[in-house]
Amino acid sequence: MAQPGDVVITTKEMYDEVRATHDAVKEIRGEMKTLREEVKAQSADHETRIRALERRVWVATGGGGALGAIAGALITAFTGG
């Protein structure tokens, strides 16, 4: 029996709160799924950009090495070494 000042929660109120919590979790789950897809797309874009930069670095390194070898051979040829 309820006394003055007691709080009484009915099963309907409890059910309504459980449903509200369930709905909130479903909404958050949907938002997280959307965010995950966006992150995957951004990650793929970043991966593509990084690979392109790496290719440029290796091409520049190879080109620098080749130019250095040619310059060395030309200097040797011109100096009679």
PDB file of N, CA and C in Angstrom:
ATOM      1  N   MET A   1       0.844  -1.169   0.000  1.00  0.00           N
ATOM      2  CA  MET A   1       0.000   0.000   0.000  1.00  0.00           C
ATOM      3  C   MET A   1       0.898   1.242   0.000  1.00  0.00           C
ATOM      4  N   ALA A   2       0.561   2.168  -0.867  1.00  0.00           N
ATOM      5  CA  ALA A   2       1.376   3.370  -1.019  1.00  0.00           C
ATOM      6  C   ALA A   2       1.175   4.306   0.158  1.00  0.00           C
ATOM      7  N   GLN A   3       2.277   4.864   0.594  1.00  0.00           N
ATOM      8  CA  GLN A   3       2.273   5.833   1.693  1.00  0.00           C
ATOM      9  C   GLN A   3       2.448   7.229   1.087  1.00  0.00           C
ATOM     10  N   PRO A   4       2.077   8.269   1.815  1.00  0.00           N
ATOM     11  CA  PRO A   4       2.297   9.618   1.304  1.00  0.00           C
ATOM     12  C   PRO A   4       3.795   9.823   1.015  1.00  0.00           C
ATOM     13  N   GLY A   5       4.118  10.382  -0.166  1.00  0.00           N
ATOM     14  CA  GLY A   5       5.507  10.606  -0.550  1.00  0.00           C
ATOM     15  C   GLY A   5       6.112   9.451  -1.330  1.00  0.00           C
ATOM     16  N   ASP A   6       5.455   8.288  -1.357  1.00  0.00           N
ATOM     17  CA  ASP A   6       5.955   7.155  -2.136  1.00  0.00           C
ATOM     18  C   ASP A   6       5.778   7.431  -3.633  1.00  0.00           C
ATOM     19  N   VAL A   7       6.650   6.841  -4.427  1.00  0.00           N
ATOM     20  CA  VAL A   7       6.539   6.954  -5.869  1.00  0.00           C
ATOM     21  C   VAL A   7       6.024   5.623  -6.389  1.00  0.00           C
ATOM     22  N   VAL A   8       5.006   5.675  -7.202  1.00  0.00           N
ATOM     23  CA  VAL A   8       4.429   4.468  -7.772  1.00  0.00           C
ATOM     24  C   VAL A   8       4.605   4.529  -9.281  1.00  0.00           C
ATOM     25  N   ILE A   9       5.238   3.513  -9.812  1.00  0.00           N
ATOM     26  CA  ILE A   9       5.447   3.425 -11.254  1.00  0.00           C
ATOM     27  C   ILE A   9       4.627   2.243 -11.749  1.00  0.00           C
ATOM     28  N   THR A  10       3.761   2.531 -12.686  1.00  0.00           N
ATOM     29  CA  THR A  10       2.909   1.466 -13.205  1.00  0.00           C
ATOM     30  C   THR A  10       3.651   0.682 -14.275  1.00  0.00           C
ATOM     31  N   THR A  11       3.148  -0.495 -14.575  1.00  0.00           N
ATOM     32  CA  THR A  11       3.765  -1.301 -15.626  1.00  0.00           C
ATOM     33  C   THR A  11       3.644  -0.596 -16.977  1.00  0.00           C
ATOM     34  N   LYS A  12       2.579   0.161 -17.201  1.00  0.00           N
ATOM     35  CA  LYS A  12       2.432   0.914 -18.450  1.00  0.00           C
ATOM     36  C   LYS A  12       3.520   1.976 -18.555  1.00  0.00           C
ATOM     37  N   GLU A  13       3.783   2.679 -17.460  1.00  0.00           N
ATOM     38  CA  GLU A  13       4.852   3.688 -17.468  1.00  0.00           C
ATOM     39  C   GLU A  13       6.210   3.036 -17.715  1.00  0.00           C
ATOM     40  N   MET A  14       6.434   1.912 -17.108  1.00  0.00           N
ATOM     41  CA  MET A  14       7.691   1.190 -17.296  1.00  0.00           C
ATOM     42  C   MET A  14       7.823   0.748 -18.757  1.00  0.00           C
ATOM     43  N   TYR A  15       6.733   0.205 -19.312  1.00  0.00           N
ATOM     44  CA  TYR A  15       6.745  -0.229 -20.710  1.00  0.00           C
ATOM     45  C   TYR A  15       7.019   0.961 -21.630  1.00  0.00           C
ATOM     46  N   ASP A  16       6.380   2.088 -21.379  1.00  0.00           N
ATOM     47  CA  ASP A  16       6.585   3.285 -22.210  1.00  0.00           C
ATOM     48  C   ASP A  16       8.051   3.730 -22.171  1.00  0.00           C
ATOM     49  N   GLU A  17       8.679   3.673 -21.021  1.00  0.00           N
ATOM     50  CA  GLU A  17      10.088   4.050 -20.896  1.00  0.00           C
ATOM     51  C   GLU A  17      10.995   3.066 -21.631  1.00  0.00           C
ATOM     52  N   VAL A  18      10.683   1.787 -21.533  1.00  0.00           N
ATOM     53  CA  VAL A  18      11.472   0.777 -22.242  1.00  0.00           C
ATOM     54  C   VAL A  18      11.347   0.986 -23.747  1.00  0.00           C
ATOM     55  N   ARG A  19      10.147   1.254 -24.241  1.00  0.00           N
ATOM     56  CA  ARG A  19       9.943   1.508 -25.672  1.00  0.00           C
ATOM     57  C   ARG A  19      10.688   2.764 -26.107  1.00  0.00           C
ATOM     58  N   ALA A  20      10.643   3.824 -25.298  1.00  0.00           N
ATOM     59  CA  ALA A  20      11.338   5.060 -25.636  1.00  0.00           C
ATOM     60  C   ALA A  20      12.850   4.805 -25.709  1.00  0.00           C
ATOM     61  N   THR A  21      13.361   4.035 -24.775  1.00  0.00           N
ATOM     62  CA  THR A  21      14.789   3.699 -24.782  1.00  0.00           C
ATOM     63  C   THR A  21      15.131   2.874 -26.011  1.00  0.00           C
ATOM     64  N   HIS A  22      14.289   1.916 -26.330  1.00  0.00           N
ATOM     65  CA  HIS A  22      14.488   1.077 -27.512  1.00  0.00           C
ATOM     66  C   HIS A  22      14.526   1.937 -28.781  1.00  0.00           C
ATOM     67  N   ASP A  23      13.588   2.843 -28.902  1.00  0.00           N
ATOM     68  CA  ASP A  23      13.530   3.715 -30.080  1.00  0.00           C
ATOM     69  C   ASP A  23      14.772   4.603 -30.166  1.00  0.00           C
ATOM     70  N   ALA A  24      15.235   5.122 -29.038  1.00  0.00           N
ATOM     71  CA  ALA A  24      16.432   5.966 -29.019  1.00  0.00           C
ATOM     72  C   ALA A  24      17.658   5.165 -29.449  1.00  0.00           C
ATOM     73  N   VAL A  25      17.765   3.939 -28.963  1.00  0.00           N
ATOM     74  CA  VAL A  25      18.903   3.086 -29.338  1.00  0.00           C
ATOM     75  C   VAL A  25      18.851   2.772 -30.831  1.00  0.00           C
ATOM     76  N   LYS A  26      17.670   2.508 -31.376  1.00  0.00           N
ATOM     77  CA  LYS A  26      17.533   2.249 -32.812  1.00  0.00           C
ATOM     78  C   LYS A  26      17.967   3.455 -33.627  1.00  0.00           C
ATOM     79  N   GLU A  27      17.589   4.646 -33.185  1.00  0.00           N
ATOM     80  CA  GLU A  27      17.961   5.869 -33.892  1.00  0.00           C
ATOM     81  C   GLU A  27      19.481   6.066 -33.864  1.00  0.00           C
ATOM     82  N   ILE A  28      20.075   5.869 -32.705  1.00  0.00           N
ATOM     83  CA  ILE A  28      21.530   6.017 -32.568  1.00  0.00           C
ATOM     84  C   ILE A  28      22.241   4.979 -33.433  1.00  0.00           C
ATOM     85  N   ARG A  29      21.721   3.773 -33.471  1.00  0.00           N
ATOM     86  CA  ARG A  29      22.331   2.720 -34.284  1.00  0.00           C
ATOM     87  C   ARG A  29      22.313   3.099 -35.760  1.00  0.00           C
ATOM     88  N   GLY A  30      21.213   3.677 -36.218  1.00  0.00           N
ATOM     89  CA  GLY A  30      21.127   4.124 -37.606  1.00  0.00           C
ATOM     90  C   GLY A  30      22.134   5.228 -37.900  1.00  0.00           C
ATOM     91  N   GLU A  31      22.271   6.165 -36.965  1.00  0.00           N
ATOM     92  CA  GLU A  31      23.236   7.248 -37.141  1.00  0.00           C
ATOM     93  C   GLU A  31      24.666   6.704 -37.174  1.00  0.00           C
ATOM     94  N   MET A  32      24.947   5.736 -36.335  1.00  0.00           N
ATOM     95  CA  MET A  32      26.288   5.150 -36.293  1.00  0.00           C
ATOM     96  C   MET A  32      26.590   4.415 -37.598  1.00  0.00           C
ATOM     97  N   LYS A  33      25.581   3.750 -38.161  1.00  0.00           N
ATOM     98  CA  LYS A  33      25.772   3.047 -39.423  1.00  0.00           C
ATOM     99  C   LYS A  33      26.107   4.053 -40.524  1.00  0.00           C
ATOM    100  N   THR A  34      25.407   5.165 -40.554  1.00  0.00           N
ATOM    101  CA  THR A  34      25.679   6.210 -41.540  1.00  0.00           C
ATOM    102  C   THR A  34      27.089   6.766 -41.361  1.00  0.00           C
ATOM    103  N   LEU A  35      27.467   7.041 -40.123  1.00  0.00           N
ATOM    104  CA  LEU A  35      28.805   7.561 -39.852  1.00  0.00           C
ATOM    105  C   LEU A  35      29.881   6.566 -40.266  1.00  0.00           C
ATOM    106  N   ARG A  36      29.656   5.289 -39.997  1.00  0.00           N
ATOM    107  CA  ARG A  36      30.622   4.262 -40.361  1.00  0.00           C
ATOM    108  C   ARG A  36      30.834   4.217 -41.876  1.00  0.00           C
ATOM    109  N   GLU A  37      29.740   4.351 -42.636  1.00  0.00           N
ATOM    110  CA  GLU A  37      29.856   4.352 -44.094  1.00  0.00           C
ATOM    111  C   GLU A  37      30.622   5.579 -44.574  1.00  0.00           C
ATOM    112  N   GLU A  38      30.390   6.729 -43.947  1.00  0.00           N
ATOM    113  CA  GLU A  38      31.110   7.945 -44.316  1.00  0.00           C
ATOM    114  C   GLU A  38      32.602   7.805 -44.014  1.00  0.00           C
ATOM    115  N   VAL A  39      32.914   7.226 -42.872  1.00  0.00           N
ATOM    116  CA  VAL A  39      34.325   7.033 -42.495  1.00  0.00           C
ATOM    117  C   VAL A  39      35.002   6.071 -43.465  1.00  0.00           C
ATOM    118  N   LYS A  40      34.313   5.007 -43.867  1.00  0.00           N
ATOM    119  CA  LYS A  40      34.890   4.064 -44.822  1.00  0.00           C
ATOM    120  C   LYS A  40      35.176   4.748 -46.148  1.00  0.00           C
ATOM    121  N   ALA A  41      34.261   5.606 -46.606  1.00  0.00           N
ATOM    122  CA  ALA A  41      34.462   6.315 -47.867  1.00  0.00           C
ATOM    123  C   ALA A  41      35.652   7.268 -47.757  1.00  0.00           C
ATOM    124  N   GLN A  42      35.740   7.991 -46.643  1.00  0.00           N
ATOM    125  CA  GLN A  42      36.860   8.908 -46.441  1.00  0.00           C
ATOM    126  C   GLN A  42      38.171   8.145 -46.350  1.00  0.00           C
ATOM    127  N   SER A  43      38.141   7.012 -45.696  1.00  0.00           N
ATOM    128  CA  SER A  43      39.344   6.198 -45.554  1.00  0.00           C
ATOM    129  C   SER A  43      39.839   5.722 -46.913  1.00  0.00           C
ATOM    130  N   ALA A  44      38.919   5.305 -47.770  1.00  0.00           N
ATOM    131  CA  ALA A  44      39.300   4.866 -49.114  1.00  0.00           C
ATOM    132  C   ALA A  44      39.908   6.022 -49.899  1.00  0.00           C
ATOM    133  N   ASP A  45      39.327   7.220 -49.741  1.00  0.00           N
ATOM    134  CA  ASP A  45      39.850   8.396 -50.425  1.00  0.00           C
ATOM    135  C   ASP A  45      41.254   8.722 -49.923  1.00  0.00           C
ATOM    136  N   HIS A  46      41.450   8.664 -48.627  1.00  0.00           N
ATOM    137  CA  HIS A  46      42.772   8.938 -48.059  1.00  0.00           C
ATOM    138  C   HIS A  46      43.795   7.903 -48.547  1.00  0.00           C
ATOM    139  N   GLU A  47      43.383   6.665 -48.602  1.00  0.00           N
ATOM    140  CA  GLU A  47      44.275   5.595 -49.059  1.00  0.00           C
ATOM    141  C   GLU A  47      44.713   5.863 -50.492  1.00  0.00           C
ATOM    142  N   THR A  48      43.781   6.265 -51.348  1.00  0.00           N
ATOM    143  CA  THR A  48      44.103   6.568 -52.741  1.00  0.00           C
ATOM    144  C   THR A  48      45.094   7.729 -52.827  1.00  0.00           C
ATOM    145  N   ARG A  49      44.866   8.764 -52.046  1.00  0.00           N
ATOM    146  CA  ARG A  49      45.755   9.925 -52.067  1.00  0.00           C
ATOM    147  C   ARG A  49      47.154   9.567 -51.567  1.00  0.00           C
ATOM    148  N   ILE A  50      47.224   8.788 -50.514  1.00  0.00           N
ATOM    149  CA  ILE A  50      48.527   8.398 -49.963  1.00  0.00           C
ATOM    150  C   ILE A  50      49.303   7.568 -50.981  1.00  0.00           C
ATOM    151  N   ARG A  51      48.634   6.635 -51.631  1.00  0.00           N
ATOM    152  CA  ARG A  51      49.310   5.798 -52.636  1.00  0.00           C
ATOM    153  C   ARG A  51      49.819   6.659 -53.795  1.00  0.00           C
ATOM    154  N   ALA A  52      49.042   7.661 -54.216  1.00  0.00           N
ATOM    155  CA  ALA A  52      49.483   8.550 -55.295  1.00  0.00           C
ATOM    156  C   ALA A  52      50.728   9.334 -54.860  1.00  0.00           C
ATOM    157  N   LEU A  53      50.724   9.820 -53.630  1.00  0.00           N
ATOM    158  CA  LEU A  53      51.894  10.542 -53.120  1.00  0.00           C
ATOM    159  C   LEU A  53      53.116   9.636 -53.045  1.00  0.00           C
ATOM    160  N   GLU A  54      52.926   8.407 -52.597  1.00  0.00           N
ATOM    161  CA  GLU A  54      54.041   7.462 -52.525  1.00  0.00           C
ATOM    162  C   GLU A  54      54.626   7.202 -53.909  1.00  0.00           C
ATOM    163  N   ARG A  55      53.748   7.064 -54.914  1.00  0.00           N
ATOM    164  CA  ARG A  55      54.236   6.848 -56.279  1.00  0.00           C
ATOM    165  C   ARG A  55      55.088   8.030 -56.732  1.00  0.00           C
ATOM    166  N   ARG A  56      54.621   9.234 -56.454  1.00  0.00           N
ATOM    167  CA  ARG A  56      55.374  10.426 -56.851  1.00  0.00           C
ATOM    168  C   ARG A  56      56.732  10.478 -56.161  1.00  0.00           C
ATOM    169  N   VAL A  57      56.764  10.109 -54.891  1.00  0.00           N
ATOM    170  CA  VAL A  57      58.040  10.114 -54.160  1.00  0.00           C
ATOM    171  C   VAL A  57      59.000   9.126 -54.787  1.00  0.00           C
ATOM    172  N   TRP A  58      58.535   7.925 -55.108  1.00  0.00           N
ATOM    173  CA  TRP A  58      59.419   6.916 -55.693  1.00  0.00           C
ATOM    174  C   TRP A  58      59.871   7.300 -57.090  1.00  0.00           C
ATOM    175  N   VAL A  59      58.987   7.922 -57.865  1.00  0.00           N
ATOM    176  CA  VAL A  59      59.378   8.387 -59.203  1.00  0.00           C
ATOM    177  C   VAL A  59      60.427   9.474 -59.074  1.00  0.00           C
ATOM    178  N   ALA A  60      60.223  10.416 -58.149  1.00  0.00           N
ATOM    179  CA  ALA A  60      61.198  11.493 -57.941  1.00  0.00           C
ATOM    180  C   ALA A  60      62.524  10.926 -57.454  1.00  0.00           C
ATOM    181  N   THR A  61      62.481   9.954 -56.570  1.00  0.00           N
ATOM    182  CA  THR A  61      63.713   9.337 -56.069  1.00  0.00           C
ATOM    183  C   THR A  61      64.453   8.638 -57.197  1.00  0.00           C
ATOM    184  N   GLY A  62      63.725   7.876 -58.000  1.00  0.00           N
ATOM    185  CA  GLY A  62      64.345   7.184 -59.135  1.00  0.00           C
ATOM    186  C   GLY A  62      64.908   8.179 -60.138  1.00  0.00           C
ATOM    187  N   GLY A  63      64.153   9.223 -60.425  1.00  0.00           N
ATOM    188  CA  GLY A  63      64.620  10.244 -61.355  1.00  0.00           C
ATOM    189  C   GLY A  63      65.869  10.938 -60.833  1.00  0.00           C
ATOM    190  N   GLY A  64      65.884  11.242 -59.545  1.00  0.00           N
ATOM    191  CA  GLY A  64      67.058  11.877 -58.939  1.00  0.00           C
ATOM    192  C   GLY A  64      68.276  10.972 -59.010  1.00  0.00           C
ATOM    193  N   GLY A  65      68.079   9.705 -58.761  1.00  0.00           N
ATOM    194  CA  GLY A  65      69.184   8.742 -58.848  1.00  0.00           C
ATOM    195  C   GLY A  65      69.714   8.635 -60.265  1.00  0.00           C
ATOM    196  N   ALA A  66      68.792   8.578 -61.240  1.00  0.00           N
ATOM    197  CA  ALA A  66      69.208   8.482 -62.645  1.00  0.00           C
ATOM    198  C   ALA A  66      69.956   9.744 -63.073  1.00  0.00           C
ATOM    199  N   LEU A  67      69.425  10.918 -62.705  1.00  0.00           N
ATOM    200  CA  LEU A  67      70.098  12.176 -63.052  1.00  0.00           C
ATOM    201  C   LEU A  67      71.468  12.267 -62.392  1.00  0.00           C
ATOM    202  N   GLY A  68      71.574  11.792 -61.165  1.00  0.00           N
ATOM    203  CA  GLY A  68      72.865  11.787 -60.470  1.00  0.00           C
ATOM    204  C   GLY A  68      73.879  10.906 -61.176  1.00  0.00           C
ATOM    205  N   ALA A  69      73.425   9.742 -61.621  1.00  0.00           N
ATOM    206  CA  ALA A  69      74.326   8.829 -62.334  1.00  0.00           C
ATOM    207  C   ALA A  69      74.764   9.429 -63.668  1.00  0.00           C
ATOM    208  N   ILE A  70      73.832  10.028 -64.389  1.00  0.00           N
ATOM    209  CA  ILE A  70      74.163  10.661 -65.672  1.00  0.00           C
ATOM    210  C   ILE A  70      75.123  11.827 -65.447  1.00  0.00           C
ATOM    211  N   ALA A  71      74.831  12.650 -64.445  1.00  0.00           N
ATOM    212  CA  ALA A  71      75.708  13.792 -64.147  1.00  0.00           C
ATOM    213  C   ALA A  71      77.104  13.302 -63.787  1.00  0.00           C
ATOM    214  N   GLY A  72      77.192  12.257 -63.008  1.00  0.00           N
ATOM    215  CA  GLY A  72      78.496  11.700 -62.645  1.00  0.00           C
ATOM    216  C   GLY A  72      79.256  11.205 -63.857  1.00  0.00           C
ATOM    217  N   ALA A  73      78.551  10.519 -64.757  1.00  0.00           N
ATOM    218  CA  ALA A  73      79.190  10.010 -65.976  1.00  0.00           C
ATOM    219  C   ALA A  73      79.641  11.160 -66.863  1.00  0.00           C
ATOM    220  N   LEU A  74      78.828  12.200 -66.997  1.00  0.00           N
ATOM    221  CA  LEU A  74      79.211  13.360 -67.818  1.00  0.00           C
ATOM    222  C   LEU A  74      80.415  14.107 -67.225  1.00  0.00           C
ATOM    223  N   ILE A  75      80.392  14.265 -65.934  1.00  0.00           N
ATOM    224  CA  ILE A  75      81.527  14.961 -65.278  1.00  0.00           C
ATOM    225  C   ILE A  75      82.797  14.160 -65.477  1.00  0.00           C
ATOM    226  N   THR A  76      82.698  12.848 -65.318  1.00  0.00           N
ATOM    227  CA  THR A  76      83.860  11.992 -65.527  1.00  0.00           C
ATOM    228  C   THR A  76      84.356  12.066 -66.957  1.00  0.00           C
ATOM    229  N   ALA A  77      83.403  12.075 -67.909  1.00  0.00           N
ATOM    230  CA  ALA A  77      83.781  12.128 -69.321  1.00  0.00           C
ATOM    231  C   ALA A  77      84.437  13.460 -69.664  1.00  0.00           C
ATOM    232  N   PHE A  78      83.909  14.561 -69.133  1.00  0.00           N
ATOM    233  CA  PHE A  78      84.461  15.882 -69.458  1.00  0.00           C
ATOM    234  C   PHE A  78      85.791  16.166 -68.743  1.00  0.00           C
ATOM    235  N   THR A  79      85.961  15.592 -67.599  1.00  0.00           N
ATOM    236  CA  THR A  79      87.216  15.849 -66.865  1.00  0.00           C
ATOM    237  C   THR A  79      88.300  14.838 -67.219  1.00  0.00           C
ATOM    238  N   GLY A  80      87.947  13.878 -68.013  1.00  0.00           N
ATOM    239  CA  GLY A  80      88.924  12.906 -68.484  1.00  0.00           C
ATOM    240  C   GLY A  80      89.302  11.887 -67.415  1.00  0.00           C
ATOM    241  N   GLY A  81      88.439  11.716 -66.402  1.00  0.00           N
ATOM    242  CA  GLY A  81      88.746  10.860 -65.284  1.00  0.00           C
ATOM    243  C   GLY A  81      88.550   9.456 -65.530  1.00  0.00           C
TER     244      GLY A  81
END
